[in-house]
């Protein structure tokens, strides 16, 4: 089953335009849950310099944490 991240993108204009991307909650979601949370984040966001999108997790790039 595919997993997805919710990515937050923040636009900065000083000293020049650039962007910062971060993973919300650092959690992986199924597509339904990610979509629901994406709608919620977009609904409560009132900052035009902040946007959200869904990104599929690349299983080859993600290392699993060891369980103690």
C-alpha atoms as a PDB file:
ATOM      1  CA  UNK A   1       0.000   0.000   0.000  1.00  0.00           C
ATOM      2  CA  UNK A   2       1.349   3.404  -0.980  1.00  0.00           C
ATOM      3  CA  UNK A   3       2.112   5.983   1.697  1.00  0.00           C
ATOM      4  CA  UNK A   4       2.140   9.757   1.392  1.00  0.00           C
ATOM      5  CA  UNK A   5       3.597  12.784   3.148  1.00  0.00           C
ATOM      6  CA  UNK A   6       1.934  16.165   3.470  1.00  0.00           C
ATOM      7  CA  UNK A   7       4.457  18.791   2.445  1.00  0.00           C
ATOM      8  CA  UNK A   8       4.322  22.385   3.670  1.00  0.00           C
ATOM      9  CA  UNK A   9       5.881  24.973   1.348  1.00  0.00           C
ATOM     10  CA  UNK A  10       6.711  28.419   2.738  1.00  0.00           C
ATOM     11  CA  UNK A  11       7.692  31.296   0.464  1.00  0.00           C
ATOM     12  CA  UNK A  12      10.223  33.840   1.752  1.00  0.00           C
ATOM     13  CA  UNK A  13      10.989  37.122  -0.016  1.00  0.00           C
ATOM     14  CA  UNK A  14      13.999  38.439   1.893  1.00  0.00           C
ATOM     15  CA  UNK A  15      16.754  38.905   0.873  1.00  0.00           C
ATOM     16  CA  UNK A  16      15.517  37.217  -2.304  1.00  0.00           C
ATOM     17  CA  UNK A  17      12.635  34.895  -3.116  1.00  0.00           C
ATOM     18  CA  UNK A  18      13.205  31.327  -1.909  1.00  0.00           C
ATOM     19  CA  UNK A  19      11.190  28.431  -0.537  1.00  0.00           C
ATOM     20  CA  UNK A  20      11.375  26.062   2.401  1.00  0.00           C
ATOM     21  CA  UNK A  21       9.710  22.641   2.259  1.00  0.00           C
ATOM     22  CA  UNK A  22       8.971  20.541   5.339  1.00  0.00           C
ATOM     23  CA  UNK A  23       7.066  17.342   6.101  1.00  0.00           C
ATOM     24  CA  UNK A  24       4.034  17.993   8.288  1.00  0.00           C
ATOM     25  CA  UNK A  25       3.971  15.905  11.488  1.00  0.00           C
ATOM     26  CA  UNK A  26       6.798  13.722  10.056  1.00  0.00           C
ATOM     27  CA  UNK A  27       4.216  10.972   9.513  1.00  0.00           C
ATOM     28  CA  UNK A  28       3.236   8.796   6.563  1.00  0.00           C
ATOM     29  CA  UNK A  29      -0.453   8.507   5.629  1.00  0.00           C
ATOM     30  CA  UNK A  30      -2.586   6.441   3.285  1.00  0.00           C
ATOM     31  CA  UNK A  31      -4.026   8.462   0.382  1.00  0.00           C
ATOM     32  CA  UNK A  32      -7.470   8.962   1.967  1.00  0.00           C
ATOM     33  CA  UNK A  33      -6.076  10.247   5.265  1.00  0.00           C
ATOM     34  CA  UNK A  34      -3.484  12.420   3.518  1.00  0.00           C
ATOM     35  CA  UNK A  35      -6.197  13.954   1.344  1.00  0.00           C
ATOM     36  CA  UNK A  36      -8.415  14.679   4.344  1.00  0.00           C
ATOM     37  CA  UNK A  37      -5.558  16.305   6.243  1.00  0.00           C
ATOM     38  CA  UNK A  38      -4.514  18.279   3.157  1.00  0.00           C
ATOM     39  CA  UNK A  39      -8.009  19.748   2.889  1.00  0.00           C
ATOM     40  CA  UNK A  40      -7.948  20.597   6.607  1.00  0.00           C
ATOM     41  CA  UNK A  41      -4.539  22.309   6.388  1.00  0.00           C
ATOM     42  CA  UNK A  42      -5.632  24.299   3.334  1.00  0.00           C
ATOM     43  CA  UNK A  43      -8.905  25.281   5.025  1.00  0.00           C
ATOM     44  CA  UNK A  44      -7.299  26.699   8.184  1.00  0.00           C
ATOM     45  CA  UNK A  45      -4.379  28.340   6.339  1.00  0.00           C
ATOM     46  CA  UNK A  46      -4.819  32.095   5.871  1.00  0.00           C
ATOM     47  CA  UNK A  47      -1.238  32.880   4.850  1.00  0.00           C
ATOM     48  CA  UNK A  48      -0.828  33.280   1.082  1.00  0.00           C
ATOM     49  CA  UNK A  49       2.905  32.485   1.399  1.00  0.00           C
ATOM     50  CA  UNK A  50       2.173  28.999   2.769  1.00  0.00           C
ATOM     51  CA  UNK A  51       0.868  26.110   0.660  1.00  0.00           C
ATOM     52  CA  UNK A  52       0.461  22.363   1.116  1.00  0.00           C
ATOM     53  CA  UNK A  53       0.621  19.355  -1.194  1.00  0.00           C
ATOM     54  CA  UNK A  54       0.810  15.564  -1.063  1.00  0.00           C
ATOM     55  CA  UNK A  55       3.983  13.689  -1.986  1.00  0.00           C
ATOM     56  CA  UNK A  56       4.224   9.934  -2.388  1.00  0.00           C
ATOM     57  CA  UNK A  57       6.830   8.319  -0.139  1.00  0.00           C
ATOM     58  CA  UNK A  58       9.703   6.733  -2.045  1.00  0.00           C
ATOM     59  CA  UNK A  59      10.236   3.502  -0.114  1.00  0.00           C
ATOM     60  CA  UNK A  60      13.778   3.199  -1.461  1.00  0.00           C
ATOM     61  CA  UNK A  61      14.756   6.564   0.031  1.00  0.00           C
ATOM     62  CA  UNK A  62      13.197   6.058   3.466  1.00  0.00           C
ATOM     63  CA  UNK A  63      15.108   4.184   6.142  1.00  0.00           C
ATOM     64  CA  UNK A  64      13.049   2.460   8.793  1.00  0.00           C
ATOM     65  CA  UNK A  65      13.850   3.251  12.416  1.00  0.00           C
ATOM     66  CA  UNK A  66      15.077   0.307  14.416  1.00  0.00           C
ATOM     67  CA  UNK A  67      12.768  -0.997  17.107  1.00  0.00           C
ATOM     68  CA  UNK A  68      14.425  -1.443  20.485  1.00  0.00           C
END
